[in-house]
Protein backbone atom coordinates (compact mmCIF):
# COMPACT_ATOMS: atom_id res chain seq x y z
CA MET A 1 10.30 -58.85 -86.89
CA GLU A 2 10.88 -55.16 -87.67
CA VAL A 3 10.90 -52.93 -84.60
CA ASN A 4 9.16 -49.58 -84.96
CA PRO A 5 12.05 -47.04 -85.25
CA ASN A 6 9.95 -44.48 -83.32
CA LEU A 7 10.00 -46.59 -80.16
CA SER A 8 11.81 -45.03 -77.22
CA GLU A 9 14.93 -46.64 -75.76
CA LYS A 10 12.78 -47.84 -72.84
CA ALA A 11 10.31 -49.49 -75.24
CA LYS A 12 13.17 -51.12 -77.19
CA HIS A 13 14.57 -52.50 -73.92
CA ASP A 14 11.08 -53.82 -73.09
CA TYR A 15 10.89 -55.53 -76.47
CA ASN A 16 14.22 -57.21 -75.78
CA LEU A 17 12.81 -58.46 -72.46
CA VAL A 18 9.64 -59.69 -74.21
CA LYS A 19 11.74 -61.75 -76.64
CA HIS A 20 13.62 -63.34 -73.73
CA ALA A 21 10.37 -63.94 -71.80
CA ALA A 22 8.76 -65.56 -74.84
CA ALA A 23 11.75 -67.93 -74.94
CA GLY A 24 11.00 -68.93 -71.33
CA ASP A 25 13.39 -66.64 -69.42
CA GLU A 26 11.80 -66.17 -65.96
CA LYS A 27 14.13 -63.26 -65.11
CA ALA A 28 12.76 -61.35 -68.12
CA TYR A 29 9.19 -61.96 -66.88
CA ALA A 30 10.18 -60.77 -63.41
CA GLU A 31 11.82 -57.61 -64.80
CA LEU A 32 8.76 -56.76 -66.92
CA LEU A 33 6.60 -57.31 -63.87
CA GLY A 34 8.85 -55.10 -61.74
CA ARG A 35 8.81 -52.29 -64.30
CA TYR A 36 5.03 -52.03 -64.59
CA LYS A 37 3.26 -53.67 -61.65
CA ASP A 38 2.94 -50.46 -59.60
CA ALA A 39 1.73 -48.34 -62.53
CA ILE A 40 -0.83 -51.01 -63.52
CA TYR A 41 -1.96 -51.45 -59.91
CA TYR A 42 -2.54 -47.71 -59.31
CA MET A 43 -4.37 -47.31 -62.61
CA LEU A 44 -6.67 -50.23 -61.72
CA LEU A 45 -7.13 -48.96 -58.17
CA LYS A 46 -8.51 -45.71 -59.59
CA MET A 47 -10.92 -47.72 -61.73
CA VAL A 48 -12.25 -50.12 -59.06
CA ASN A 49 -11.50 -48.20 -55.83
CA ASN A 50 -10.79 -51.43 -53.96
CA LYS A 51 -7.25 -52.57 -53.06
CA SER A 52 -7.98 -56.31 -53.05
CA ASP A 53 -9.76 -56.17 -56.44
CA ALA A 54 -6.95 -54.00 -57.86
CA GLU A 55 -4.34 -56.55 -56.67
CA ASP A 56 -6.20 -59.47 -58.26
CA LEU A 57 -6.83 -57.53 -61.48
CA THR A 58 -3.11 -56.65 -61.64
CA ILE A 59 -2.29 -60.37 -61.40
CA GLU A 60 -4.86 -61.17 -64.09
CA ALA A 61 -3.55 -58.43 -66.41
CA PHE A 62 0.02 -59.72 -66.22
CA GLY A 63 -1.22 -63.31 -66.42
CA LYS A 64 -3.09 -62.57 -69.66
CA ALA A 65 -0.20 -60.55 -71.09
CA PHE A 66 2.37 -63.24 -70.27
CA LYS A 67 0.10 -66.00 -71.59
CA ASN A 68 -0.28 -64.13 -74.89
CA ILE A 69 3.21 -62.64 -75.01
CA ASN A 70 3.85 -64.14 -78.46
CA GLN A 71 1.01 -62.00 -79.82
CA TYR A 72 2.78 -58.74 -78.92
CA THR A 73 4.17 -56.91 -81.94
CA PRO A 74 6.71 -54.09 -81.60
CA ASN A 75 4.63 -51.65 -83.69
CA TYR A 76 3.96 -49.87 -80.40
CA ALA A 77 5.41 -49.99 -76.88
CA PHE A 78 4.91 -53.07 -74.72
CA SER A 79 3.59 -50.77 -71.97
CA THR A 80 0.79 -49.56 -74.31
CA TRP A 81 -0.19 -53.18 -75.04
CA LEU A 82 -0.04 -54.13 -71.36
CA PHE A 83 -2.15 -51.16 -70.21
CA LYS A 84 -4.75 -51.95 -72.87
CA ILE A 85 -5.01 -55.56 -71.63
CA ALA A 86 -5.31 -54.35 -68.02
CA THR A 87 -7.94 -51.73 -68.90
CA ASN A 88 -10.08 -54.12 -70.98
CA ASN A 89 -9.89 -56.81 -68.30
CA CYS A 90 -10.92 -54.29 -65.65
CA ILE A 91 -13.86 -53.02 -67.74
CA ASP A 92 -15.04 -56.65 -68.12
CA PHE A 93 -14.72 -57.13 -64.34
CA ILE A 94 -16.76 -53.97 -63.60
CA ARG A 95 -19.39 -54.98 -66.17
CA LYS A 96 -19.74 -58.47 -64.64
CA LYS A 97 -19.94 -57.03 -61.14
CA LYS A 98 -22.74 -54.67 -62.20
CA ALA A 99 -24.55 -57.51 -64.00
CA ASN A 100 -24.37 -59.65 -60.85
CA VAL A 101 -25.79 -56.83 -58.72
CA ILE A 102 -28.64 -56.23 -61.19
CA SER A 103 -29.48 -59.94 -61.44
CA LEU A 104 -29.59 -60.19 -57.64
CA ASP A 105 -31.55 -57.00 -57.13
CA GLN A 106 -34.34 -57.62 -59.63
CA THR A 107 -35.90 -60.30 -61.78
CA SER A 108 -37.50 -59.84 -65.17
CA GLU A 109 -40.91 -60.89 -63.77
CA ASP A 110 -40.88 -58.60 -60.75
CA HIS A 111 -39.66 -55.08 -61.43
CA ASP A 112 -41.17 -53.83 -58.14
CA SER A 113 -38.36 -55.55 -56.26
CA ALA A 114 -35.78 -53.25 -57.90
CA GLY A 115 -35.95 -50.90 -54.93
CA THR A 116 -35.34 -53.65 -52.36
CA PRO A 117 -32.00 -55.36 -52.91
CA LEU A 118 -31.92 -59.05 -52.10
CA GLN A 119 -29.79 -59.53 -49.03
CA SER A 120 -29.53 -62.79 -47.18
CA ASN A 121 -27.05 -63.79 -44.52
CA THR A 122 -28.21 -67.41 -44.48
CA PRO A 123 -26.01 -69.56 -46.74
CA ASP A 124 -27.75 -71.32 -49.59
CA PRO A 125 -27.16 -75.13 -49.21
CA GLU A 126 -26.95 -75.64 -52.97
CA GLU A 127 -24.48 -72.75 -53.29
CA ASP A 128 -22.39 -74.26 -50.48
CA MET A 129 -22.36 -77.63 -52.22
CA ILE A 130 -21.30 -76.10 -55.54
CA LYS A 131 -18.63 -74.09 -53.75
CA SER A 132 -17.24 -77.14 -51.92
CA GLN A 133 -17.22 -79.14 -55.20
CA ARG A 134 -15.35 -76.29 -56.90
CA VAL A 135 -12.82 -76.18 -54.04
CA ALA A 136 -12.35 -79.98 -54.27
CA LEU A 137 -11.85 -79.75 -58.04
CA THR A 138 -9.41 -76.84 -57.66
CA ARG A 139 -7.45 -78.71 -54.98
CA SER A 140 -7.15 -81.80 -57.20
CA ILE A 141 -5.83 -79.59 -60.03
CA VAL A 142 -3.44 -77.74 -57.70
CA GLU A 143 -2.02 -81.14 -56.69
CA LYS A 144 -0.71 -81.44 -60.28
CA LEU A 145 1.50 -78.36 -59.89
CA LYS A 146 5.16 -78.44 -58.90
CA PRO A 147 5.58 -78.18 -55.10
CA ARG A 148 6.75 -74.53 -55.11
CA TYR A 149 3.77 -73.40 -57.21
CA ARG A 150 1.39 -75.57 -55.19
CA THR A 151 2.53 -73.96 -51.93
CA LEU A 152 2.09 -70.46 -53.34
CA VAL A 153 -1.42 -71.18 -54.64
CA GLU A 154 -2.48 -72.82 -51.37
CA LEU A 155 -1.21 -69.90 -49.28
CA ARG A 156 -2.74 -67.24 -51.55
CA TYR A 157 -6.08 -68.77 -52.52
CA PHE A 158 -6.91 -71.34 -49.84
CA LYS A 159 -5.40 -69.69 -46.76
CA GLU A 160 -5.90 -66.17 -48.20
CA TYR A 161 -2.44 -64.90 -47.22
CA SER A 162 -1.41 -61.47 -48.48
CA TYR A 163 1.64 -61.21 -50.76
CA GLU A 164 3.62 -59.83 -47.81
CA GLU A 165 2.63 -62.78 -45.60
CA ILE A 166 3.62 -65.28 -48.31
CA ALA A 167 6.96 -63.51 -48.81
CA ASN A 168 7.63 -63.72 -45.04
CA GLU A 169 6.45 -67.33 -44.79
CA LEU A 170 8.66 -68.53 -47.66
CA SER A 171 11.54 -66.05 -47.16
CA LEU A 172 11.19 -64.81 -50.74
CA PRO A 173 11.23 -61.29 -52.23
CA ILE A 174 7.70 -60.03 -52.87
CA GLY A 175 8.46 -59.63 -56.61
CA THR A 176 9.40 -63.31 -56.83
CA VAL A 177 6.18 -64.30 -55.03
CA LYS A 178 4.07 -62.31 -57.51
CA ALA A 179 5.98 -63.52 -60.58
CA GLN A 180 5.69 -67.16 -59.49
CA LEU A 181 1.99 -66.75 -58.69
CA PHE A 182 1.43 -65.46 -62.24
CA ARG A 183 3.20 -68.54 -63.54
CA ALA A 184 1.21 -70.82 -61.22
CA ARG A 185 -2.07 -69.30 -62.38
CA GLU A 186 -1.06 -69.75 -66.01
CA LEU A 187 -0.21 -73.42 -65.38
CA LEU A 188 -3.50 -73.91 -63.53
CA TYR A 189 -5.41 -72.35 -66.41
CA ASN A 190 -3.67 -74.67 -68.90
CA ILE A 191 -4.48 -77.75 -66.76
CA LEU A 192 -8.12 -76.60 -66.48
CA LYS A 193 -8.31 -75.88 -70.20
CA ASN A 194 -7.01 -79.35 -71.05
CA SER A 195 -9.46 -81.02 -68.66
CA ASN A 196 -12.45 -78.85 -69.60
CA PRO A 197 -13.12 -78.53 -73.37
CA SER A 198 -15.55 -75.62 -72.80
CA LEU A 199 -12.62 -73.40 -71.75
CA LYS A 200 -10.75 -73.93 -75.03
């Protein structure tokens, strides 16, 4: 594939990393992650103004980019492509969040309730049941992962450890934790996709 001659040296180096990553080189993934994770995170933090959401959206952005890495073409810099994925994903997230708030705050039949947001601290039994079924399903899928990925997913999503806590628990560099979590999420998505035709 012809590389755009106008690309900077940095962008050409990125393209070289992308080629290695696409061939399955985990070090290339980790280096791409290391080069851009902070810039992506701070951009998303400005958009959502919430550290936890920004962290998860950063993971999702890299997850989507790495999953579709073969679709990247060197007509423009990898960073441009990555930031576009992160921005679009974040806009979708904000849109869904707003839609959820609107659907909770008002119904189409009763516009008078728009001024009184629906707030309930009592858990909905049906919601609890759905949630517990989802957790059971997720756990059964997580069981299919390799032990190192399974441990990471359990610590992050079931025990809700921070990246720092996971790094301390497993004596791993934080960059390795994040890179392996991206990989674990990608594997989980593929398992889910294969077991649920509606996700294909």
